[in-house]
Amino acid sequence: MVKVKFPTVFVQITKERKIEIEAKNVKELLDKLFERYDGLKERLIKDGELTPFINIFVNGEDIRYLKGLETELKDDDEIAFIPAISGG
């Protein structure tokens, strides 16, 4: 089981801050989350790609610098969805 932490902006959809779920990689994790939480896919996927406004971290590392959606997951990994911060 991996541990997933949701940002506050997702809690209105998930009704939970943290969950544990079984998944072999990030893509499978997302597929399972989309099945479980109606409306989550629309917040994370834009034109078939991950939105740049939410970063996904596995054990503190951005999946963009790992293997993206193919990043493998193992028991006790911690996955966090972090809203991107922009400034001006």
PDB file of N, CA and C in Angstrom:
ATOM      1  N   MET A   1       0.842  -1.184   0.000  1.00  0.00           N
ATOM      2  CA  MET A   1       0.000   0.000   0.000  1.00  0.00           C
ATOM      3  C   MET A   1       0.887   1.246   0.000  1.00  0.00           C
ATOM      4  N   VAL A   2       0.483   2.225  -0.796  1.00  0.00           N
ATOM      5  CA  VAL A   2       1.182   3.505  -0.786  1.00  0.00           C
ATOM      6  C   VAL A   2       0.304   4.509  -0.053  1.00  0.00           C
ATOM      7  N   LYS A   3       0.938   5.540   0.458  1.00  0.00           N
ATOM      8  CA  LYS A   3       0.234   6.569   1.215  1.00  0.00           C
ATOM      9  C   LYS A   3       0.095   7.804   0.336  1.00  0.00           C
ATOM     10  N   VAL A   4      -1.127   8.282   0.197  1.00  0.00           N
ATOM     11  CA  VAL A   4      -1.407   9.427  -0.658  1.00  0.00           C
ATOM     12  C   VAL A   4      -1.888  10.582   0.210  1.00  0.00           C
ATOM     13  N   LYS A   5      -1.281  11.755  -0.014  1.00  0.00           N
ATOM     14  CA  LYS A   5      -1.701  12.964   0.691  1.00  0.00           C
ATOM     15  C   LYS A   5      -2.299  13.926  -0.333  1.00  0.00           C
ATOM     16  N   PHE A   6      -3.504  14.401  -0.031  1.00  0.00           N
ATOM     17  CA  PHE A   6      -4.176  15.332  -0.921  1.00  0.00           C
ATOM     18  C   PHE A   6      -4.039  16.763  -0.409  1.00  0.00           C
ATOM     19  N   PRO A   7      -3.850  17.722  -1.320  1.00  0.00           N
ATOM     20  CA  PRO A   7      -3.824  19.123  -0.886  1.00  0.00           C
ATOM     21  C   PRO A   7      -5.237  19.568  -0.518  1.00  0.00           C
ATOM     22  N   THR A   8      -5.323  20.635   0.214  1.00  0.00           N
ATOM     23  CA  THR A   8      -6.606  21.166   0.658  1.00  0.00           C
ATOM     24  C   THR A   8      -7.565  21.382  -0.504  1.00  0.00           C
ATOM     25  N   VAL A   9      -7.056  21.815  -1.657  1.00  0.00           N
ATOM     26  CA  VAL A   9      -7.936  22.085  -2.801  1.00  0.00           C
ATOM     27  C   VAL A   9      -8.626  20.824  -3.315  1.00  0.00           C
ATOM     28  N   PHE A  10      -8.125  19.637  -2.988  1.00  0.00           N
ATOM     29  CA  PHE A  10      -8.744  18.391  -3.426  1.00  0.00           C
ATOM     30  C   PHE A  10      -9.683  17.788  -2.381  1.00  0.00           C
ATOM     31  N   VAL A  11      -9.597  18.257  -1.152  1.00  0.00           N
ATOM     32  CA  VAL A  11     -10.372  17.644  -0.069  1.00  0.00           C
ATOM     33  C   VAL A  11     -11.870  17.772  -0.326  1.00  0.00           C
ATOM     34  N   GLN A  12     -12.311  18.832  -0.999  1.00  0.00           N
ATOM     35  CA  GLN A  12     -13.742  18.951  -1.300  1.00  0.00           C
ATOM     36  C   GLN A  12     -14.188  17.827  -2.234  1.00  0.00           C
ATOM     37  N   ILE A  13     -13.277  17.269  -3.024  1.00  0.00           N
ATOM     38  CA  ILE A  13     -13.593  16.146  -3.910  1.00  0.00           C
ATOM     39  C   ILE A  13     -13.408  14.822  -3.175  1.00  0.00           C
ATOM     40  N   THR A  14     -12.273  14.669  -2.503  1.00  0.00           N
ATOM     41  CA  THR A  14     -11.923  13.382  -1.892  1.00  0.00           C
ATOM     42  C   THR A  14     -12.563  13.173  -0.522  1.00  0.00           C
ATOM     43  N   LYS A  15     -12.875  14.250   0.156  1.00  0.00           N
ATOM     44  CA  LYS A  15     -13.410  14.202   1.531  1.00  0.00           C
ATOM     45  C   LYS A  15     -12.399  13.578   2.500  1.00  0.00           C
ATOM     46  N   GLU A  16     -11.166  13.440   2.044  1.00  0.00           N
ATOM     47  CA  GLU A  16     -10.100  12.844   2.865  1.00  0.00           C
ATOM     48  C   GLU A  16      -8.794  13.582   2.589  1.00  0.00           C
ATOM     49  N   ARG A  17      -7.953  13.683   3.606  1.00  0.00           N
ATOM     50  CA  ARG A  17      -6.628  14.293   3.443  1.00  0.00           C
ATOM     51  C   ARG A  17      -5.588  13.236   3.084  1.00  0.00           C
ATOM     52  N   LYS A  18      -5.764  12.024   3.623  1.00  0.00           N
ATOM     53  CA  LYS A  18      -4.785  10.948   3.421  1.00  0.00           C
ATOM     54  C   LYS A  18      -5.523   9.640   3.203  1.00  0.00           C
ATOM     55  N   ILE A  19      -4.970   8.817   2.315  1.00  0.00           N
ATOM     56  CA  ILE A  19      -5.505   7.471   2.125  1.00  0.00           C
ATOM     57  C   ILE A  19      -4.342   6.517   1.879  1.00  0.00           C
ATOM     58  N   GLU A  20      -4.624   5.242   1.959  1.00  0.00           N
ATOM     59  CA  GLU A  20      -3.676   4.215   1.549  1.00  0.00           C
ATOM     60  C   GLU A  20      -4.343   3.425   0.439  1.00  0.00           C
ATOM     61  N   ILE A  21      -3.572   3.097  -0.592  1.00  0.00           N
ATOM     62  CA  ILE A  21      -4.111   2.425  -1.766  1.00  0.00           C
ATOM     63  C   ILE A  21      -3.015   1.578  -2.399  1.00  0.00           C
ATOM     64  N   GLU A  22      -3.413   0.535  -3.084  1.00  0.00           N
ATOM     65  CA  GLU A  22      -2.470  -0.360  -3.760  1.00  0.00           C
ATOM     66  C   GLU A  22      -2.285   0.116  -5.200  1.00  0.00           C
ATOM     67  N   ALA A  23      -1.020   0.293  -5.631  1.00  0.00           N
ATOM     68  CA  ALA A  23      -0.735   0.670  -7.016  1.00  0.00           C
ATOM     69  C   ALA A  23       0.718   0.336  -7.331  1.00  0.00           C
ATOM     70  N   LYS A  24       0.958  -0.117  -8.569  1.00  0.00           N
ATOM     71  CA  LYS A  24       2.310  -0.494  -8.990  1.00  0.00           C
ATOM     72  C   LYS A  24       3.100   0.678  -9.541  1.00  0.00           C
ATOM     73  N   ASN A  25       2.393   1.669 -10.114  1.00  0.00           N
ATOM     74  CA  ASN A  25       3.066   2.857 -10.644  1.00  0.00           C
ATOM     75  C   ASN A  25       2.101   4.039 -10.559  1.00  0.00           C
ATOM     76  N   VAL A  26       2.592   5.223 -10.895  1.00  0.00           N
ATOM     77  CA  VAL A  26       1.789   6.436 -10.756  1.00  0.00           C
ATOM     78  C   VAL A  26       0.563   6.395 -11.665  1.00  0.00           C
ATOM     79  N   LYS A  27       0.709   5.883 -12.868  1.00  0.00           N
ATOM     80  CA  LYS A  27      -0.436   5.801 -13.788  1.00  0.00           C
ATOM     81  C   LYS A  27      -1.554   4.946 -13.187  1.00  0.00           C
ATOM     82  N   GLU A  28      -1.208   3.775 -12.649  1.00  0.00           N
ATOM     83  CA  GLU A  28      -2.216   2.920 -12.027  1.00  0.00           C
ATOM     84  C   GLU A  28      -2.848   3.617 -10.821  1.00  0.00           C
ATOM     85  N   LEU A  29      -2.029   4.313 -10.058  1.00  0.00           N
ATOM     86  CA  LEU A  29      -2.537   5.066  -8.908  1.00  0.00           C
ATOM     87  C   LEU A  29      -3.575   6.080  -9.363  1.00  0.00           C
ATOM     88  N   LEU A  30      -3.236   6.863 -10.385  1.00  0.00           N
ATOM     89  CA  LEU A  30      -4.165   7.876 -10.866  1.00  0.00           C
ATOM     90  C   LEU A  30      -5.456   7.241 -11.373  1.00  0.00           C
ATOM     91  N   ASP A  31      -5.346   6.160 -12.133  1.00  0.00           N
ATOM     92  CA  ASP A  31      -6.538   5.476 -12.637  1.00  0.00           C
ATOM     93  C   ASP A  31      -7.455   5.057 -11.493  1.00  0.00           C
ATOM     94  N   LYS A  32      -6.878   4.519 -10.428  1.00  0.00           N
ATOM     95  CA  LYS A  32      -7.671   4.093  -9.276  1.00  0.00           C
ATOM     96  C   LYS A  32      -8.289   5.288  -8.553  1.00  0.00           C
ATOM     97  N   LEU A  33      -7.529   6.372  -8.439  1.00  0.00           N
ATOM     98  CA  LEU A  33      -8.067   7.570  -7.790  1.00  0.00           C
ATOM     99  C   LEU A  33      -9.200   8.170  -8.612  1.00  0.00           C
ATOM    100  N   PHE A  34      -9.058   8.168  -9.931  1.00  0.00           N
ATOM    101  CA  PHE A  34     -10.109   8.718 -10.792  1.00  0.00           C
ATOM    102  C   PHE A  34     -11.386   7.898 -10.692  1.00  0.00           C
ATOM    103  N   GLU A  35     -11.245   6.576 -10.524  1.00  0.00           N
ATOM    104  CA  GLU A  35     -12.423   5.722 -10.344  1.00  0.00           C
ATOM    105  C   GLU A  35     -13.104   6.007  -9.010  1.00  0.00           C
ATOM    106  N   ARG A  36     -12.297   6.252  -7.996  1.00  0.00           N
ATOM    107  CA  ARG A  36     -12.822   6.427  -6.639  1.00  0.00           C
ATOM    108  C   ARG A  36     -13.418   7.815  -6.417  1.00  0.00           C
ATOM    109  N   TYR A  37     -12.799   8.836  -6.999  1.00  0.00           N
ATOM    110  CA  TYR A  37     -13.201  10.220  -6.717  1.00  0.00           C
ATOM    111  C   TYR A  37     -13.677  10.923  -7.981  1.00  0.00           C
ATOM    112  N   ASP A  38     -14.978  11.037  -8.104  1.00  0.00           N
ATOM    113  CA  ASP A  38     -15.569  11.716  -9.241  1.00  0.00           C
ATOM    114  C   ASP A  38     -15.168  13.192  -9.227  1.00  0.00           C
ATOM    115  N   GLY A  39     -14.650  13.677 -10.349  1.00  0.00           N
ATOM    116  CA  GLY A  39     -14.243  15.076 -10.455  1.00  0.00           C
ATOM    117  C   GLY A  39     -12.751  15.288 -10.306  1.00  0.00           C
ATOM    118  N   LEU A  40     -12.023  14.299  -9.807  1.00  0.00           N
ATOM    119  CA  LEU A  40     -10.583  14.459  -9.604  1.00  0.00           C
ATOM    120  C   LEU A  40      -9.832  14.505 -10.936  1.00  0.00           C
ATOM    121  N   LYS A  41     -10.246  13.682 -11.885  1.00  0.00           N
ATOM    122  CA  LYS A  41      -9.561  13.637 -13.182  1.00  0.00           C
ATOM    123  C   LYS A  41      -9.574  15.006 -13.855  1.00  0.00           C
ATOM    124  N   GLU A  42     -10.699  15.693 -13.770  1.00  0.00           N
ATOM    125  CA  GLU A  42     -10.811  17.017 -14.392  1.00  0.00           C
ATOM    126  C   GLU A  42      -9.859  18.029 -13.755  1.00  0.00           C
ATOM    127  N   ARG A  43      -9.478  17.803 -12.507  1.00  0.00           N
ATOM    128  CA  ARG A  43      -8.546  18.708 -11.825  1.00  0.00           C
ATOM    129  C   ARG A  43      -7.095  18.410 -12.165  1.00  0.00           C
ATOM    130  N   LEU A  44      -6.819  17.154 -12.579  1.00  0.00           N
ATOM    131  CA  LEU A  44      -5.429  16.744 -12.818  1.00  0.00           C
ATOM    132  C   LEU A  44      -5.039  16.584 -14.283  1.00  0.00           C
ATOM    133  N   ILE A  45      -6.007  16.344 -15.142  1.00  0.00           N
ATOM    134  CA  ILE A  45      -5.705  16.058 -16.546  1.00  0.00           C
ATOM    135  C   ILE A  45      -6.297  17.140 -17.443  1.00  0.00           C
ATOM    136  N   LYS A  46      -5.465  17.643 -18.359  1.00  0.00           N
ATOM    137  CA  LYS A  46      -5.910  18.659 -19.317  1.00  0.00           C
ATOM    138  C   LYS A  46      -5.403  18.234 -20.684  1.00  0.00           C
ATOM    139  N   ASP A  47      -6.294  18.080 -21.644  1.00  0.00           N
ATOM    140  CA  ASP A  47      -5.934  17.647 -23.000  1.00  0.00           C
ATOM    141  C   ASP A  47      -5.127  16.349 -22.991  1.00  0.00           C
ATOM    142  N   GLY A  48      -5.504  15.423 -22.111  1.00  0.00           N
ATOM    143  CA  GLY A  48      -4.856  14.122 -22.054  1.00  0.00           C
ATOM    144  C   GLY A  48      -3.516  14.094 -21.334  1.00  0.00           C
ATOM    145  N   GLU A  49      -3.087  15.214 -20.794  1.00  0.00           N
ATOM    146  CA  GLU A  49      -1.799  15.312 -20.097  1.00  0.00           C
ATOM    147  C   GLU A  49      -2.018  15.816 -18.676  1.00  0.00           C
ATOM    148  N   LEU A  50      -1.040  15.523 -17.819  1.00  0.00           N
ATOM    149  CA  LEU A  50      -1.098  16.075 -16.464  1.00  0.00           C
ATOM    150  C   LEU A  50      -1.042  17.595 -16.534  1.00  0.00           C
ATOM    151  N   THR A  51      -1.911  18.233 -15.800  1.00  0.00           N
ATOM    152  CA  THR A  51      -1.895  19.689 -15.760  1.00  0.00           C
ATOM    153  C   THR A  51      -0.597  20.189 -15.121  1.00  0.00           C
ATOM    154  N   PRO A  52      -0.039  21.283 -15.613  1.00  0.00           N
ATOM    155  CA  PRO A  52       1.190  21.812 -15.001  1.00  0.00           C
ATOM    156  C   PRO A  52       0.939  22.498 -13.656  1.00  0.00           C
ATOM    157  N   PHE A  53      -0.327  22.607 -13.261  1.00  0.00           N
ATOM    158  CA  PHE A  53      -0.662  23.327 -12.035  1.00  0.00           C
ATOM    159  C   PHE A  53      -0.610  22.452 -10.785  1.00  0.00           C
ATOM    160  N   ILE A  54      -0.455  21.145 -10.982  1.00  0.00           N
ATOM    161  CA  ILE A  54      -0.326  20.228  -9.853  1.00  0.00           C
ATOM    162  C   ILE A  54       0.916  19.368 -10.077  1.00  0.00           C
ATOM    163  N   ASN A  55       1.789  19.328  -9.093  1.00  0.00           N
ATOM    164  CA  ASN A  55       2.983  18.485  -9.160  1.00  0.00           C
ATOM    165  C   ASN A  55       2.743  17.237  -8.325  1.00  0.00           C
ATOM    166  N   ILE A  56       3.244  16.105  -8.821  1.00  0.00           N
ATOM    167  CA  ILE A  56       3.113  14.852  -8.088  1.00  0.00           C
ATOM    168  C   ILE A  56       4.491  14.441  -7.609  1.00  0.00           C
ATOM    169  N   PHE A  57       4.601  14.209  -6.307  1.00  0.00           N
ATOM    170  CA  PHE A  57       5.865  13.825  -5.701  1.00  0.00           C
ATOM    171  C   PHE A  57       5.764  12.424  -5.115  1.00  0.00           C
ATOM    172  N   VAL A  58       6.796  11.628  -5.325  1.00  0.00           N
ATOM    173  CA  VAL A  58       6.910  10.310  -4.711  1.00  0.00           C
ATOM    174  C   VAL A  58       8.110  10.374  -3.783  1.00  0.00           C
ATOM    175  N   ASN A  59       7.865  10.216  -2.508  1.00  0.00           N
ATOM    176  CA  ASN A  59       8.923  10.304  -1.494  1.00  0.00           C
ATOM    177  C   ASN A  59       9.739  11.589  -1.640  1.00  0.00           C
ATOM    178  N   GLY A  60       9.036  12.687  -1.908  1.00  0.00           N
ATOM    179  CA  GLY A  60       9.687  13.995  -1.985  1.00  0.00           C
ATOM    180  C   GLY A  60      10.326  14.326  -3.322  1.00  0.00           C
ATOM    181  N   GLU A  61      10.225  13.439  -4.313  1.00  0.00           N
ATOM    182  CA  GLU A  61      10.816  13.698  -5.624  1.00  0.00           C
ATOM    183  C   GLU A  61       9.734  13.868  -6.677  1.00  0.00           C
ATOM    184  N   ASP A  62       9.853  14.927  -7.463  1.00  0.00           N
ATOM    185  CA  ASP A  62       8.904  15.221  -8.534  1.00  0.00           C
ATOM    186  C   ASP A  62       8.969  14.120  -9.583  1.00  0.00           C
ATOM    187  N   ILE A  63       7.811  13.544  -9.951  1.00  0.00           N
ATOM    188  CA  ILE A  63       7.815  12.450 -10.932  1.00  0.00           C
ATOM    189  C   ILE A  63       8.324  12.900 -12.290  1.00  0.00           C
ATOM    190  N   ARG A  64       8.331  14.192 -12.560  1.00  0.00           N
ATOM    191  CA  ARG A  64       8.858  14.689 -13.841  1.00  0.00           C
ATOM    192  C   ARG A  64      10.350  14.394 -13.970  1.00  0.00           C
ATOM    193  N   TYR A  65      11.014  14.258 -12.847  1.00  0.00           N
ATOM    194  CA  TYR A  65      12.456  13.967 -12.856  1.00  0.00           C
ATOM    195  C   TYR A  65      12.733  12.490 -12.596  1.00  0.00           C
ATOM    196  N   LEU A  66      11.679  11.717 -12.471  1.00  0.00           N
ATOM    197  CA  LEU A  66      11.816  10.270 -12.317  1.00  0.00           C
ATOM    198  C   LEU A  66      11.382   9.649 -13.643  1.00  0.00           C
ATOM    199  N   LYS A  67      10.370   8.820 -13.624  1.00  0.00           N
ATOM    200  CA  LYS A  67       9.887   8.189 -14.856  1.00  0.00           C
ATOM    201  C   LYS A  67       8.469   8.641 -15.200  1.00  0.00           C
ATOM    202  N   GLY A  68       8.090   9.826 -14.730  1.00  0.00           N
ATOM    203  CA  GLY A  68       6.756  10.342 -15.019  1.00  0.00           C
ATOM    204  C   GLY A  68       5.681   9.394 -14.521  1.00  0.00           C
ATOM    205  N   LEU A  69       4.671   9.154 -15.345  1.00  0.00           N
ATOM    206  CA  LEU A  69       3.565   8.280 -14.957  1.00  0.00           C
ATOM    207  C   LEU A  69       3.999   6.841 -14.768  1.00  0.00           C
ATOM    208  N   GLU A  70       5.127   6.473 -15.344  1.00  0.00           N
ATOM    209  CA  GLU A  70       5.640   5.105 -15.212  1.00  0.00           C
ATOM    210  C   GLU A  70       6.495   4.921 -13.951  1.00  0.00           C
ATOM    211  N   THR A  71       6.621   5.951 -13.142  1.00  0.00           N
ATOM    212  CA  THR A  71       7.375   5.850 -11.891  1.00  0.00           C
ATOM    213  C   THR A  71       6.799   4.721 -11.048  1.00  0.00           C
ATOM    214  N   GLU A  72       7.642   3.759 -10.718  1.00  0.00           N
ATOM    215  CA  GLU A  72       7.212   2.598  -9.940  1.00  0.00           C
ATOM    216  C   GLU A  72       6.966   2.979  -8.493  1.00  0.00           C
ATOM    217  N   LEU A  73       5.988   2.311  -7.897  1.00  0.00           N
ATOM    218  CA  LEU A  73       5.657   2.528  -6.493  1.00  0.00           C
ATOM    219  C   LEU A  73       5.835   1.235  -5.732  1.00  0.00           C
ATOM    220  N   LYS A  74       6.236   1.378  -4.466  1.00  0.00           N
ATOM    221  CA  LYS A  74       6.371   0.205  -3.608  1.00  0.00           C
ATOM    222  C   LYS A  74       5.708   0.509  -2.266  1.00  0.00           C
ATOM    223  N   ASP A  75       5.486  -0.539  -1.486  1.00  0.00           N
ATOM    224  CA  ASP A  75       4.833  -0.370  -0.194  1.00  0.00           C
ATOM    225  C   ASP A  75       5.503   0.734   0.624  1.00  0.00           C
ATOM    226  N   ASP A  76       4.663   1.523   1.265  1.00  0.00           N
ATOM    227  CA  ASP A  76       5.059   2.617   2.153  1.00  0.00           C
ATOM    228  C   ASP A  76       5.582   3.861   1.438  1.00  0.00           C
ATOM    229  N   ASP A  77       5.586   3.875   0.082  1.00  0.00           N
ATOM    230  CA  ASP A  77       5.920   5.117  -0.617  1.00  0.00           C
ATOM    231  C   ASP A  77       4.884   6.164  -0.252  1.00  0.00           C
ATOM    232  N   GLU A  78       5.325   7.419  -0.233  1.00  0.00           N
ATOM    233  CA  GLU A  78       4.418   8.532   0.062  1.00  0.00           C
ATOM    234  C   GLU A  78       4.265   9.379  -1.190  1.00  0.00           C
ATOM    235  N   ILE A  79       3.017   9.550  -1.595  1.00  0.00           N
ATOM    236  CA  ILE A  79       2.695  10.331  -2.782  1.00  0.00           C
ATOM    237  C   ILE A  79       1.980  11.592  -2.334  1.00  0.00           C
ATOM    238  N   ALA A  80       2.456  12.725  -2.842  1.00  0.00           N
ATOM    239  CA  ALA A  80       1.837  13.997  -2.489  1.00  0.00           C
ATOM    240  C   ALA A  80       1.511  14.771  -3.759  1.00  0.00           C
ATOM    241  N   PHE A  81       0.335  15.357  -3.772  1.00  0.00           N
ATOM    242  CA  PHE A  81      -0.078  16.233  -4.860  1.00  0.00           C
ATOM    243  C   PHE A  81       0.120  17.653  -4.342  1.00  0.00           C
ATOM    244  N   ILE A  82       1.005  18.406  -5.001  1.00  0.00           N
ATOM    245  CA  ILE A  82       1.347  19.743  -4.531  1.00  0.00           C
ATOM    246  C   ILE A  82       0.960  20.762  -5.601  1.00  0.00           C
ATOM    247  N   PRO A  83       0.072  21.696  -5.276  1.00  0.00           N
ATOM    248  CA  PRO A  83      -0.263  22.735  -6.246  1.00  0.00           C
ATOM    249  C   PRO A  83       0.969  23.563  -6.571  1.00  0.00           C
ATOM    250  N   ALA A  84       1.146  23.861  -7.861  1.00  0.00           N
ATOM    251  CA  ALA A  84       2.277  24.695  -8.279  1.00  0.00           C
ATOM    252  C   ALA A  84       2.057  26.119  -7.763  1.00  0.00           C
ATOM    253  N   ILE A  85       3.136  26.767  -7.416  1.00  0.00           N
ATOM    254  CA  ILE A  85       3.068  28.132  -6.922  1.00  0.00           C
ATOM    255  C   ILE A  85       3.693  29.035  -7.975  1.00  0.00           C
ATOM    256  N   SER A  86       2.961  30.048  -8.346  1.00  0.00           N
ATOM    257  CA  SER A  86       3.514  30.996  -9.304  1.00  0.00           C
ATOM    258  C   SER A  86       3.456  32.393  -8.697  1.00  0.00           C
ATOM    259  N   GLY A  87       4.328  33.204  -9.153  1.00  0.00           N
ATOM    260  CA  GLY A  87       4.382  34.552  -8.633  1.00  0.00           C
ATOM    261  C   GLY A  87       4.647  35.533  -9.748  1.00  0.00           C
ATOM    262  N   GLY A  88       4.666  36.740  -9.390  1.00  0.00           N
ATOM    263  CA  GLY A  88       4.885  37.722 -10.448  1.00  0.00           C
ATOM    264  C   GLY A  88       5.488  38.969  -9.902  1.00  0.00           C
TER     265      GLY A  88
END
